[in-house]
Amino acid sequence: MDNFLAGIFNSIRRMPYRRGPKRWVGGICGGLAAQFGWDVKVVRIVVLLSFILPYIGVATYLIAWALLPAQDGSIPLETAVRKLNA
């Protein structure tokens, strides 16, 4: 992986936000709730309501899942790029 992409992933990893720990699908709602001190059920309802909007809710969720680090610091998009370059 080139230095440019490594720099992007490292800067994402330095953000205080993480996916999970109360995860159902991708951990985005659980991570938002944990970061801001919100009730995870309310966040899940808001996200599900955003899916009603044409493509915006689902696309935003998928982008967040691909780019935001998990509790262990792993980023799904970074893992996929490394596998493609291997």
PDB file of N, CA and C in Angstrom:
ATOM      1  N   MET A   1       0.857  -1.169   0.000  1.00  0.00           N
ATOM      2  CA  MET A   1       0.000   0.000   0.000  1.00  0.00           C
ATOM      3  C   MET A   1       0.904   1.233   0.000  1.00  0.00           C
ATOM      4  N   ASP A   2       0.553   2.211  -0.819  1.00  0.00           N
ATOM      5  CA  ASP A   2       1.417   3.383  -0.909  1.00  0.00           C
ATOM      6  C   ASP A   2       1.253   4.295   0.304  1.00  0.00           C
ATOM      7  N   ASN A   3       2.186   5.210   0.446  1.00  0.00           N
ATOM      8  CA  ASN A   3       2.218   6.095   1.616  1.00  0.00           C
ATOM      9  C   ASN A   3       1.003   6.995   1.702  1.00  0.00           C
ATOM     10  N   PHE A   4       0.449   7.394   0.559  1.00  0.00           N
ATOM     11  CA  PHE A   4      -0.718   8.258   0.565  1.00  0.00           C
ATOM     12  C   PHE A   4      -1.906   7.569   1.242  1.00  0.00           C
ATOM     13  N   LEU A   5      -2.204   6.345   0.816  1.00  0.00           N
ATOM     14  CA  LEU A   5      -3.319   5.604   1.420  1.00  0.00           C
ATOM     15  C   LEU A   5      -3.034   5.272   2.879  1.00  0.00           C
ATOM     16  N   ALA A   6      -1.800   4.914   3.187  1.00  0.00           N
ATOM     17  CA  ALA A   6      -1.448   4.607   4.574  1.00  0.00           C
ATOM     18  C   ALA A   6      -1.667   5.835   5.452  1.00  0.00           C
ATOM     19  N   GLY A   7      -1.328   7.014   4.944  1.00  0.00           N
ATOM     20  CA  GLY A   7      -1.550   8.253   5.692  1.00  0.00           C
ATOM     21  C   GLY A   7      -3.023   8.529   5.929  1.00  0.00           C
ATOM     22  N   ILE A   8      -3.843   8.260   4.909  1.00  0.00           N
ATOM     23  CA  ILE A   8      -5.294   8.454   5.065  1.00  0.00           C
ATOM     24  C   ILE A   8      -5.841   7.515   6.132  1.00  0.00           C
ATOM     25  N   PHE A   9      -5.489   6.244   6.048  1.00  0.00           N
ATOM     26  CA  PHE A   9      -6.006   5.286   7.026  1.00  0.00           C
ATOM     27  C   PHE A   9      -5.491   5.580   8.436  1.00  0.00           C
ATOM     28  N   ASN A  10      -4.276   6.031   8.559  1.00  0.00           N
ATOM     29  CA  ASN A  10      -3.743   6.379   9.884  1.00  0.00           C
ATOM     30  C   ASN A  10      -4.455   7.597  10.463  1.00  0.00           C
ATOM     31  N   SER A  11      -4.792   8.571   9.615  1.00  0.00           N
ATOM     32  CA  SER A  11      -5.522   9.738  10.124  1.00  0.00           C
ATOM     33  C   SER A  11      -6.940   9.353  10.531  1.00  0.00           C
ATOM     34  N   ILE A  12      -7.563   8.438   9.798  1.00  0.00           N
ATOM     35  CA  ILE A  12      -8.893   7.949  10.195  1.00  0.00           C
ATOM     36  C   ILE A  12      -8.794   7.222  11.531  1.00  0.00           C
ATOM     37  N   ARG A  13      -7.751   6.416  11.678  1.00  0.00           N
ATOM     38  CA  ARG A  13      -7.577   5.639  12.907  1.00  0.00           C
ATOM     39  C   ARG A  13      -7.356   6.541  14.123  1.00  0.00           C
ATOM     40  N   ARG A  14      -6.810   7.740  13.933  1.00  0.00           N
ATOM     41  CA  ARG A  14      -6.566   8.665  15.049  1.00  0.00           C
ATOM     42  C   ARG A  14      -7.845   9.338  15.542  1.00  0.00           C
ATOM     43  N   MET A  15      -8.923   9.268  14.770  1.00  0.00           N
ATOM     44  CA  MET A  15     -10.192   9.847  15.230  1.00  0.00           C
ATOM     45  C   MET A  15     -10.665   9.093  16.466  1.00  0.00           C
ATOM     46  N   PRO A  16     -11.363   9.764  17.369  1.00  0.00           N
ATOM     47  CA  PRO A  16     -11.801   9.086  18.592  1.00  0.00           C
ATOM     48  C   PRO A  16     -12.968   8.118  18.367  1.00  0.00           C
ATOM     49  N   TYR A  17     -13.535   8.096  17.197  1.00  0.00           N
ATOM     50  CA  TYR A  17     -14.711   7.276  16.922  1.00  0.00           C
ATOM     51  C   TYR A  17     -14.319   5.850  16.556  1.00  0.00           C
ATOM     52  N   ARG A  18     -15.053   4.883  17.078  1.00  0.00           N
ATOM     53  CA  ARG A  18     -14.881   3.462  16.748  1.00  0.00           C
ATOM     54  C   ARG A  18     -16.245   2.833  16.521  1.00  0.00           C
ATOM     55  N   ARG A  19     -16.265   1.805  15.674  1.00  0.00           N
ATOM     56  CA  ARG A  19     -17.499   1.041  15.484  1.00  0.00           C
ATOM     57  C   ARG A  19     -17.696   0.118  16.683  1.00  0.00           C
ATOM     58  N   GLY A  20     -18.962  -0.267  16.945  1.00  0.00           N
ATOM     59  CA  GLY A  20     -19.253  -1.167  18.050  1.00  0.00           C
ATOM     60  C   GLY A  20     -19.252  -0.421  19.346  1.00  0.00           C
ATOM     61  N   PRO A  21     -19.218  -0.897  20.493  1.00  0.00           N
ATOM     62  CA  PRO A  21     -19.167  -2.284  20.929  1.00  0.00           C
ATOM     63  C   PRO A  21     -20.531  -2.985  20.927  1.00  0.00           C
ATOM     64  N   LYS A  22     -21.616  -2.212  20.972  1.00  0.00           N
ATOM     65  CA  LYS A  22     -22.954  -2.815  20.940  1.00  0.00           C
ATOM     66  C   LYS A  22     -23.375  -2.915  19.481  1.00  0.00           C
ATOM     67  N   ARG A  23     -22.852  -3.913  18.783  1.00  0.00           N
ATOM     68  CA  ARG A  23     -23.069  -3.985  17.354  1.00  0.00           C
ATOM     69  C   ARG A  23     -24.070  -5.049  16.958  1.00  0.00           C
ATOM     70  N   TRP A  24     -24.846  -4.715  15.960  1.00  0.00           N
ATOM     71  CA  TRP A  24     -25.757  -5.678  15.358  1.00  0.00           C
ATOM     72  C   TRP A  24     -25.241  -6.053  13.978  1.00  0.00           C
ATOM     73  N   VAL A  25     -25.109  -5.057  13.116  1.00  0.00           N
ATOM     74  CA  VAL A  25     -24.674  -5.332  11.748  1.00  0.00           C
ATOM     75  C   VAL A  25     -23.228  -4.868  11.574  1.00  0.00           C
ATOM     76  N   GLY A  26     -23.024  -3.563  11.446  1.00  0.00           N
ATOM     77  CA  GLY A  26     -21.678  -3.048  11.219  1.00  0.00           C
ATOM     78  C   GLY A  26     -21.105  -2.306  12.398  1.00  0.00           C
ATOM     79  N   GLY A  27     -21.906  -2.059  13.413  1.00  0.00           N
ATOM     80  CA  GLY A  27     -21.431  -1.372  14.599  1.00  0.00           C
ATOM     81  C   GLY A  27     -21.454   0.142  14.517  1.00  0.00           C
ATOM     82  N   ILE A  28     -21.997   0.701  13.434  1.00  0.00           N
ATOM     83  CA  ILE A  28     -22.016   2.143  13.261  1.00  0.00           C
ATOM     84  C   ILE A  28     -22.913   2.792  14.311  1.00  0.00           C
ATOM     85  N   CYS A  29     -24.096   2.284  14.506  1.00  0.00           N
ATOM     86  CA  CYS A  29     -25.026   2.866  15.483  1.00  0.00           C
ATOM     87  C   CYS A  29     -24.488   2.746  16.904  1.00  0.00           C
ATOM     88  N   GLY A  30     -23.921   1.593  17.235  1.00  0.00           N
ATOM     89  CA  GLY A  30     -23.344   1.406  18.562  1.00  0.00           C
ATOM     90  C   GLY A  30     -22.174   2.344  18.813  1.00  0.00           C
ATOM     91  N   GLY A  31     -21.362   2.565  17.776  1.00  0.00           N
ATOM     92  CA  GLY A  31     -20.238   3.480  17.904  1.00  0.00           C
ATOM     93  C   GLY A  31     -20.684   4.927  18.073  1.00  0.00           C
ATOM     94  N   LEU A  32     -21.692   5.342  17.308  1.00  0.00           N
ATOM     95  CA  LEU A  32     -22.233   6.698  17.461  1.00  0.00           C
ATOM     96  C   LEU A  32     -22.806   6.898  18.853  1.00  0.00           C
ATOM     97  N   ALA A  33     -23.572   5.927  19.306  1.00  0.00           N
ATOM     98  CA  ALA A  33     -24.184   6.025  20.632  1.00  0.00           C
ATOM     99  C   ALA A  33     -23.128   6.096  21.725  1.00  0.00           C
ATOM    100  N   ALA A  34     -22.092   5.286  21.614  1.00  0.00           N
ATOM    101  CA  ALA A  34     -21.029   5.288  22.624  1.00  0.00           C
ATOM    102  C   ALA A  34     -20.246   6.601  22.600  1.00  0.00           C
ATOM    103  N   GLN A  35     -19.976   7.129  21.413  1.00  0.00           N
ATOM    104  CA  GLN A  35     -19.186   8.356  21.285  1.00  0.00           C
ATOM    105  C   GLN A  35     -19.902   9.564  21.879  1.00  0.00           C
ATOM    106  N   PHE A  36     -21.212   9.657  21.636  1.00  0.00           N
ATOM    107  CA  PHE A  36     -21.952  10.844  22.046  1.00  0.00           C
ATOM    108  C   PHE A  36     -22.810  10.642  23.288  1.00  0.00           C
ATOM    109  N   GLY A  37     -22.819   9.434  23.862  1.00  0.00           N
ATOM    110  CA  GLY A  37     -23.582   9.166  25.066  1.00  0.00           C
ATOM    111  C   GLY A  37     -25.081   9.062  24.814  1.00  0.00           C
ATOM    112  N   TRP A  38     -25.447   8.649  23.605  1.00  0.00           N
ATOM    113  CA  TRP A  38     -26.855   8.517  23.239  1.00  0.00           C
ATOM    114  C   TRP A  38     -27.321   7.089  23.473  1.00  0.00           C
ATOM    115  N   ASP A  39     -28.626   6.917  23.521  1.00  0.00           N
ATOM    116  CA  ASP A  39     -29.222   5.585  23.623  1.00  0.00           C
ATOM    117  C   ASP A  39     -29.082   4.890  22.267  1.00  0.00           C
ATOM    118  N   VAL A  40     -28.506   3.705  22.257  1.00  0.00           N
ATOM    119  CA  VAL A  40     -28.248   2.999  21.004  1.00  0.00           C
ATOM    120  C   VAL A  40     -29.552   2.670  20.272  1.00  0.00           C
ATOM    121  N   LYS A  41     -30.641   2.444  20.995  1.00  0.00           N
ATOM    122  CA  LYS A  41     -31.920   2.140  20.344  1.00  0.00           C
ATOM    123  C   LYS A  41     -32.422   3.336  19.546  1.00  0.00           C
ATOM    124  N   VAL A  42     -32.264   4.529  20.091  1.00  0.00           N
ATOM    125  CA  VAL A  42     -32.698   5.743  19.388  1.00  0.00           C
ATOM    126  C   VAL A  42     -31.855   5.948  18.130  1.00  0.00           C
ATOM    127  N   VAL A  43     -30.563   5.729  18.235  1.00  0.00           N
ATOM    128  CA  VAL A  43     -29.683   5.878  17.071  1.00  0.00           C
ATOM    129  C   VAL A  43     -30.077   4.885  15.987  1.00  0.00           C
ATOM    130  N   ARG A  44     -30.361   3.660  16.365  1.00  0.00           N
ATOM    131  CA  ARG A  44     -30.767   2.648  15.381  1.00  0.00           C
ATOM    132  C   ARG A  44     -32.072   3.042  14.692  1.00  0.00           C
ATOM    133  N   ILE A  45     -33.021   3.584  15.446  1.00  0.00           N
ATOM    134  CA  ILE A  45     -34.291   4.011  14.855  1.00  0.00           C
ATOM    135  C   ILE A  45     -34.056   5.146  13.860  1.00  0.00           C
ATOM    136  N   VAL A  46     -33.227   6.117  14.230  1.00  0.00           N
ATOM    137  CA  VAL A  46     -32.934   7.238  13.330  1.00  0.00           C
ATOM    138  C   VAL A  46     -32.252   6.735  12.059  1.00  0.00           C
ATOM    139  N   VAL A  47     -31.315   5.819  12.193  1.00  0.00           N
ATOM    140  CA  VAL A  47     -30.634   5.277  11.018  1.00  0.00           C
ATOM    141  C   VAL A  47     -31.612   4.513  10.135  1.00  0.00           C
ATOM    142  N   LEU A  48     -32.465   3.725  10.731  1.00  0.00           N
ATOM    143  CA  LEU A  48     -33.462   2.999   9.938  1.00  0.00           C
ATOM    144  C   LEU A  48     -34.402   3.960   9.219  1.00  0.00           C
ATOM    145  N   LEU A  49     -34.786   5.042   9.881  1.00  0.00           N
ATOM    146  CA  LEU A  49     -35.626   6.043   9.225  1.00  0.00           C
ATOM    147  C   LEU A  49     -34.881   6.722   8.078  1.00  0.00           C
ATOM    148  N   SER A  50     -33.574   6.898   8.211  1.00  0.00           N
ATOM    149  CA  SER A  50     -32.796   7.513   7.130  1.00  0.00           C
ATOM    150  C   SER A  50     -32.735   6.614   5.896  1.00  0.00           C
ATOM    151  N   PHE A  51     -32.941   5.324   6.086  1.00  0.00           N
ATOM    152  CA  PHE A  51     -32.937   4.405   4.948  1.00  0.00           C
ATOM    153  C   PHE A  51     -34.145   4.635   4.041  1.00  0.00           C
ATOM    154  N   ILE A  52     -35.147   5.326   4.529  1.00  0.00           N
ATOM    155  CA  ILE A  52     -36.313   5.648   3.705  1.00  0.00           C
ATOM    156  C   ILE A  52     -35.924   6.626   2.594  1.00  0.00           C
ATOM    157  N   LEU A  53     -34.961   7.509   2.892  1.00  0.00           N
ATOM    158  CA  LEU A  53     -34.497   8.462   1.892  1.00  0.00           C
ATOM    159  C   LEU A  53     -33.819   7.699   0.755  1.00  0.00           C
ATOM    160  N   PRO A  54     -34.083   8.096  -0.467  1.00  0.00           N
ATOM    161  CA  PRO A  54     -33.518   7.348  -1.597  1.00  0.00           C
ATOM    162  C   PRO A  54     -31.994   7.311  -1.576  1.00  0.00           C
ATOM    163  N   TYR A  55     -31.440   6.172  -1.293  1.00  0.00           N
ATOM    164  CA  TYR A  55     -30.019   5.857  -1.357  1.00  0.00           C
ATOM    165  C   TYR A  55     -29.147   6.550  -0.306  1.00  0.00           C
ATOM    166  N   ILE A  56     -29.563   7.671   0.239  1.00  0.00           N
ATOM    167  CA  ILE A  56     -28.701   8.443   1.122  1.00  0.00           C
ATOM    168  C   ILE A  56     -28.377   7.683   2.397  1.00  0.00           C
ATOM    169  N   GLY A  57     -29.379   7.149   3.065  1.00  0.00           N
ATOM    170  CA  GLY A  57     -29.152   6.451   4.330  1.00  0.00           C
ATOM    171  C   GLY A  57     -28.290   5.215   4.167  1.00  0.00           C
ATOM    172  N   VAL A  58     -28.613   4.385   3.191  1.00  0.00           N
ATOM    173  CA  VAL A  58     -27.865   3.148   2.972  1.00  0.00           C
ATOM    174  C   VAL A  58     -26.440   3.462   2.517  1.00  0.00           C
ATOM    175  N   ALA A  59     -26.288   4.408   1.598  1.00  0.00           N
ATOM    176  CA  ALA A  59     -24.954   4.763   1.101  1.00  0.00           C
ATOM    177  C   ALA A  59     -24.084   5.325   2.222  1.00  0.00           C
ATOM    178  N   THR A  60     -24.647   6.194   3.049  1.00  0.00           N
ATOM    179  CA  THR A  60     -23.891   6.770   4.165  1.00  0.00           C
ATOM    180  C   THR A  60     -23.460   5.685   5.139  1.00  0.00           C
ATOM    181  N   TYR A  61     -24.355   4.745   5.434  1.00  0.00           N
ATOM    182  CA  TYR A  61     -24.032   3.660   6.350  1.00  0.00           C
ATOM    183  C   TYR A  61     -22.901   2.795   5.790  1.00  0.00           C
ATOM    184  N   LEU A  62     -22.984   2.458   4.502  1.00  0.00           N
ATOM    185  CA  LEU A  62     -21.956   1.611   3.899  1.00  0.00           C
ATOM    186  C   LEU A  62     -20.594   2.307   3.850  1.00  0.00           C
ATOM    187  N   ILE A  63     -20.593   3.603   3.554  1.00  0.00           N
ATOM    188  CA  ILE A  63     -19.340   4.354   3.546  1.00  0.00           C
ATOM    189  C   ILE A  63     -18.746   4.403   4.952  1.00  0.00           C
ATOM    190  N   ALA A  64     -19.604   4.651   5.940  1.00  0.00           N
ATOM    191  CA  ALA A  64     -19.132   4.687   7.328  1.00  0.00           C
ATOM    192  C   ALA A  64     -18.572   3.330   7.736  1.00  0.00           C
ATOM    193  N   TRP A  65     -19.230   2.257   7.344  1.00  0.00           N
ATOM    194  CA  TRP A  65     -18.759   0.917   7.692  1.00  0.00           C
ATOM    195  C   TRP A  65     -17.394   0.645   7.061  1.00  0.00           C
ATOM    196  N   ALA A  66     -17.199   1.063   5.825  1.00  0.00           N
ATOM    197  CA  ALA A  66     -15.947   0.785   5.119  1.00  0.00           C
ATOM    198  C   ALA A  66     -14.779   1.603   5.662  1.00  0.00           C
ATOM    199  N   LEU A  67     -15.057   2.812   6.170  1.00  0.00           N
ATOM    200  CA  LEU A  67     -13.974   3.716   6.550  1.00  0.00           C
ATOM    201  C   LEU A  67     -13.693   3.810   8.040  1.00  0.00           C
ATOM    202  N   LEU A  68     -14.669   3.546   8.877  1.00  0.00           N
ATOM    203  CA  LEU A  68     -14.466   3.750  10.310  1.00  0.00           C
ATOM    204  C   LEU A  68     -13.838   2.526  10.968  1.00  0.00           C
ATOM    205  N   PRO A  69     -12.876   2.764  11.841  1.00  0.00           N
ATOM    206  CA  PRO A  69     -12.174   1.646  12.481  1.00  0.00           C
ATOM    207  C   PRO A  69     -13.046   0.902  13.488  1.00  0.00           C
ATOM    208  N   ALA A  70     -12.753  -0.377  13.633  1.00  0.00           N
ATOM    209  CA  ALA A  70     -13.400  -1.205  14.651  1.00  0.00           C
ATOM    210  C   ALA A  70     -12.707  -0.949  15.983  1.00  0.00           C
ATOM    211  N   GLN A  71     -13.141  -1.622  17.025  1.00  0.00           N
ATOM    212  CA  GLN A  71     -12.557  -1.463  18.353  1.00  0.00           C
ATOM    213  C   GLN A  71     -11.065  -1.793  18.356  1.00  0.00           C
ATOM    214  N   ASP A  72     -10.637  -2.715  17.503  1.00  0.00           N
ATOM    215  CA  ASP A  72      -9.224  -3.102  17.454  1.00  0.00           C
ATOM    216  C   ASP A  72      -8.391  -2.219  16.521  1.00  0.00           C
ATOM    217  N   GLY A  73      -9.027  -1.217  15.889  1.00  0.00           N
ATOM    218  CA  GLY A  73      -8.311  -0.300  15.008  1.00  0.00           C
ATOM    219  C   GLY A  73      -8.280  -0.722  13.554  1.00  0.00           C
ATOM    220  N   SER A  74      -8.838  -1.888  13.228  1.00  0.00           N
ATOM    221  CA  SER A  74      -8.836  -2.342  11.847  1.00  0.00           C
ATOM    222  C   SER A  74      -9.900  -1.592  11.040  1.00  0.00           C
ATOM    223  N   ILE A  75      -9.561  -1.265   9.793  1.00  0.00           N
ATOM    224  CA  ILE A  75     -10.462  -0.549   8.895  1.00  0.00           C
ATOM    225  C   ILE A  75     -10.772  -1.488   7.726  1.00  0.00           C
ATOM    226  N   PRO A  76     -12.064  -1.818   7.489  1.00  0.00           N
ATOM    227  CA  PRO A  76     -12.400  -2.777   6.432  1.00  0.00           C
ATOM    228  C   PRO A  76     -11.854  -2.408   5.046  1.00  0.00           C
ATOM    229  N   LEU A  77     -11.916  -1.140   4.664  1.00  0.00           N
ATOM    230  CA  LEU A  77     -11.415  -0.752   3.346  1.00  0.00           C
ATOM    231  C   LEU A  77      -9.899  -0.939   3.260  1.00  0.00           C
ATOM    232  N   GLU A  78      -9.183  -0.645   4.334  1.00  0.00           N
ATOM    233  CA  GLU A  78      -7.739  -0.837   4.352  1.00  0.00           C
ATOM    234  C   GLU A  78      -7.397  -2.316   4.196  1.00  0.00           C
ATOM    235  N   THR A  79      -8.137  -3.167   4.883  1.00  0.00           N
ATOM    236  CA  THR A  79      -7.918  -4.614   4.762  1.00  0.00           C
ATOM    237  C   THR A  79      -8.144  -5.090   3.339  1.00  0.00           C
ATOM    238  N   ALA A  80      -9.204  -4.579   2.699  1.00  0.00           N
ATOM    239  CA  ALA A  80      -9.500  -4.967   1.316  1.00  0.00           C
ATOM    240  C   ALA A  80      -8.421  -4.484   0.357  1.00  0.00           C
ATOM    241  N   VAL A  81      -7.921  -3.265   0.553  1.00  0.00           N
ATOM    242  CA  VAL A  81      -6.863  -2.736  -0.315  1.00  0.00           C
ATOM    243  C   VAL A  81      -5.585  -3.547  -0.150  1.00  0.00           C
ATOM    244  N   ARG A  82      -5.269  -3.917   1.065  1.00  0.00           N
ATOM    245  CA  ARG A  82      -4.059  -4.733   1.299  1.00  0.00           C
ATOM    246  C   ARG A  82      -4.166  -6.087   0.615  1.00  0.00           C
ATOM    247  N   LYS A  83      -5.354  -6.695   0.656  1.00  0.00           N
ATOM    248  CA  LYS A  83      -5.543  -7.993   0.006  1.00  0.00           C
ATOM    249  C   LYS A  83      -5.425  -7.867  -1.505  1.00  0.00           C
ATOM    250  N   LEU A  84      -5.917  -6.772  -2.066  1.00  0.00           N
ATOM    251  CA  LEU A  84      -5.808  -6.562  -3.514  1.00  0.00           C
ATOM    252  C   LEU A  84      -4.366  -6.345  -3.942  1.00  0.00           C
ATOM    253  N   ASN A  85      -3.587  -5.701  -3.106  1.00  0.00           N
ATOM    254  CA  ASN A  85      -2.188  -5.411  -3.429  1.00  0.00           C
ATOM    255  C   ASN A  85      -1.247  -6.569  -3.123  1.00  0.00           C
ATOM    256  N   ALA A  86      -1.746  -7.582  -2.428  1.00  0.00           N
ATOM    257  CA  ALA A  86      -0.884  -8.705  -2.053  1.00  0.00           C
ATOM    258  C   ALA A  86      -0.664  -9.670  -3.193  1.00  0.00           C
TER     259      ALA A  86
END
